[in-house]
Amino acid sequence: MALFKKRTVGKPGEWYYCLEHKKVEEGPECPAKDRFGPYASREEAQRAMDTARERNLDWETDPRWHDAAPRSADED
């Protein structure tokens, strides 16, 4: 008996963005390593790359994550 079953059919209303095919899918069609989601709507999944860019920018500019000055190569 397998511990984890591969889900071949998604639930209606679950939306994913496939990074490999660059398309929106209802239910998981591609492997988890190649997709973002699940999202509540098709529109939300279509904005997946924009959302990722916005979150990356928020993280890169968050002072809580960058409180130390960068080290130079001479300090090693």
Protein backbone atom coordinates (compact mmCIF):
# COMPACT_ATOMS: atom_id res chain seq x y z
CA MET A 1 0.00 0.00 0.00
CA ALA A 2 1.44 3.34 -1.02
CA LEU A 3 1.69 6.08 1.56
CA PHE A 4 1.10 8.79 -0.97
CA LYS A 5 -1.12 8.36 -3.97
CA LYS A 6 -0.44 10.40 -7.07
CA ARG A 7 -3.48 12.52 -7.64
CA THR A 8 -4.23 12.40 -11.34
CA VAL A 9 -7.51 14.29 -11.31
CA GLY A 10 -7.84 17.64 -9.63
CA LYS A 11 -10.77 18.99 -7.73
CA PRO A 12 -13.06 21.29 -9.68
CA GLY A 13 -12.28 24.85 -8.71
CA GLU A 14 -8.60 24.21 -7.92
CA TRP A 15 -6.44 26.23 -10.28
CA TYR A 16 -2.70 25.95 -10.86
CA TYR A 17 -0.12 27.74 -12.98
CA CYS A 18 2.26 25.37 -14.80
CA LEU A 19 5.78 26.81 -14.92
CA GLU A 20 6.90 24.42 -17.66
CA HIS A 21 4.00 24.98 -20.08
CA LYS A 22 3.28 28.56 -18.93
CA LYS A 23 -0.45 27.94 -18.74
CA VAL A 24 -3.29 27.77 -16.25
CA GLU A 25 -4.64 24.31 -15.38
CA GLU A 26 -7.76 23.28 -13.53
CA GLY A 27 -6.63 20.61 -11.14
CA PRO A 28 -3.05 19.40 -11.04
CA GLU A 29 -2.06 18.17 -14.49
CA CYS A 30 1.70 18.63 -14.18
CA PRO A 31 4.03 17.52 -11.34
CA ALA A 32 4.09 19.67 -8.19
CA LYS A 33 7.70 20.74 -8.89
CA ASP A 34 6.47 22.47 -12.07
CA ARG A 35 3.50 24.42 -10.74
CA PHE A 36 2.27 27.17 -8.43
CA GLY A 37 -1.03 26.78 -6.63
CA PRO A 38 -3.67 25.91 -5.82
CA TYR A 39 -5.50 29.16 -6.44
CA ALA A 40 -9.17 29.86 -5.82
CA SER A 41 -9.86 31.17 -9.34
CA ARG A 42 -8.55 31.03 -12.89
CA GLU A 43 -7.78 34.76 -12.75
CA GLU A 44 -5.70 34.35 -9.60
CA ALA A 45 -3.72 31.52 -11.25
CA GLN A 46 -3.17 33.68 -14.36
CA ARG A 47 -1.51 36.28 -12.12
CA ALA A 48 0.78 33.69 -10.49
CA MET A 49 4.01 35.04 -12.00
CA ASP A 50 3.07 38.65 -11.15
CA THR A 51 2.26 37.59 -7.59
CA ALA A 52 5.60 35.78 -7.29
CA ARG A 53 7.47 38.86 -8.60
CA GLU A 54 5.65 41.12 -6.12
CA ARG A 55 6.40 38.78 -3.21
CA ASN A 56 10.07 38.50 -4.23
CA LEU A 57 10.36 42.28 -4.37
CA ASP A 58 8.70 42.60 -0.95
CA TRP A 59 11.17 40.08 0.47
CA GLU A 60 14.20 41.67 -1.20
CA THR A 61 13.32 45.12 0.16
CA ASP A 62 12.20 44.01 3.65
CA PRO A 63 14.65 45.53 6.15
CA ARG A 64 13.98 42.71 8.65
CA TRP A 65 15.77 40.30 6.29
CA HIS A 66 18.66 42.62 5.49
CA ASP A 67 19.69 44.09 8.82
CA ALA A 68 23.43 43.37 8.47
CA ALA A 69 25.71 45.10 6.01
CA PRO A 70 26.86 42.84 3.19
CA ARG A 71 30.26 41.25 3.72
CA SER A 72 33.04 41.98 1.28
CA ALA A 73 35.29 39.32 -0.22
CA ASP A 74 38.22 40.72 1.84
CA GLU A 75 36.52 39.75 5.13
CA ASP A 76 36.64 35.99 4.43
